[in-house]
Amino acid sequence: MEKEEVIFQWIEDGYGSPEELAKVLDLALEMLFYLEEDTFDRKEVQQVVVALRGIVVGLRNMK
């Protein structure tokens, strides 16, 4: 099984579709806005946001 097939199967098994996983990741991004101050370094949070956004965009482009 190719990596793409494994990933897609994991997404379908856990979330039903790439769009549903994208919704969960969008919620994760929203939650980041409510972090307590001094919990994480600002740059660390920004790196996580950029990574999550990239995953969300990639999932939405999967067919």
Protein backbone atom coordinates (compact mmCIF):
# COMPACT_ATOMS: atom_id res chain seq x y z
CA MET A 1 0.00 0.00 0.00
CA GLU A 2 1.36 3.43 -0.92
CA LYS A 3 1.83 6.13 1.72
CA GLU A 4 -0.99 8.19 0.24
CA GLU A 5 -3.37 5.23 0.45
CA VAL A 6 -2.41 4.58 4.08
CA ILE A 7 -2.95 8.21 5.01
CA PHE A 8 -6.25 8.41 3.17
CA GLN A 9 -7.45 5.18 4.82
CA TRP A 10 -6.45 6.54 8.24
CA ILE A 11 -8.40 9.73 7.54
CA GLU A 12 -11.48 7.82 6.40
CA ASP A 13 -11.35 5.43 9.37
CA GLY A 14 -10.91 8.18 11.93
CA TYR A 15 -12.82 11.10 10.45
CA GLY A 16 -14.89 9.91 7.51
CA SER A 17 -13.36 12.27 4.97
CA PRO A 18 -10.50 14.74 4.51
CA GLU A 19 -13.03 17.57 4.90
CA GLU A 20 -14.11 16.30 8.32
CA LEU A 21 -10.47 16.12 9.47
CA ALA A 22 -9.96 19.63 8.11
CA LYS A 23 -12.87 20.81 10.29
CA VAL A 24 -11.24 19.26 13.38
CA LEU A 25 -7.94 20.93 12.52
CA ASP A 26 -9.73 24.26 12.01
CA LEU A 27 -11.14 23.87 15.52
CA ALA A 28 -7.61 23.24 16.79
CA LEU A 29 -6.50 26.49 15.16
CA GLU A 30 -9.38 28.32 16.83
CA MET A 31 -8.43 26.86 20.21
CA LEU A 32 -4.94 28.28 19.84
CA PHE A 33 -6.44 31.77 20.11
CA TYR A 34 -7.51 30.99 23.67
CA LEU A 35 -4.16 29.85 25.05
CA GLU A 36 -3.12 31.25 28.38
CA GLU A 37 -0.29 33.73 28.18
CA ASP A 38 3.18 32.36 28.86
CA THR A 39 2.04 28.78 28.17
CA PHE A 40 4.18 28.51 25.04
CA ASP A 41 6.68 30.74 23.30
CA ARG A 42 4.98 32.89 20.64
CA LYS A 43 7.19 31.47 17.88
CA GLU A 44 6.29 27.90 18.90
CA VAL A 45 2.59 28.67 18.61
CA GLN A 46 3.11 30.36 15.24
CA GLN A 47 5.00 27.31 13.94
CA VAL A 48 2.14 25.05 14.99
CA VAL A 49 -0.42 27.31 13.31
CA VAL A 50 1.55 27.34 10.06
CA ALA A 51 1.89 23.54 10.11
CA LEU A 52 -1.81 23.00 10.85
CA ARG A 53 -2.85 25.44 8.17
CA GLY A 54 -0.69 23.60 5.65
CA ILE A 55 -2.32 20.30 6.59
CA VAL A 56 -5.81 21.82 6.33
CA VAL A 57 -5.08 23.21 2.87
CA GLY A 58 -3.57 19.90 1.76
CA LEU A 59 -6.57 17.92 3.01
CA ARG A 60 -9.00 20.17 1.23
CA ASN A 61 -7.09 19.66 -2.01
CA MET A 62 -7.29 15.85 -1.73
CA LYS A 63 -9.81 14.22 -3.99
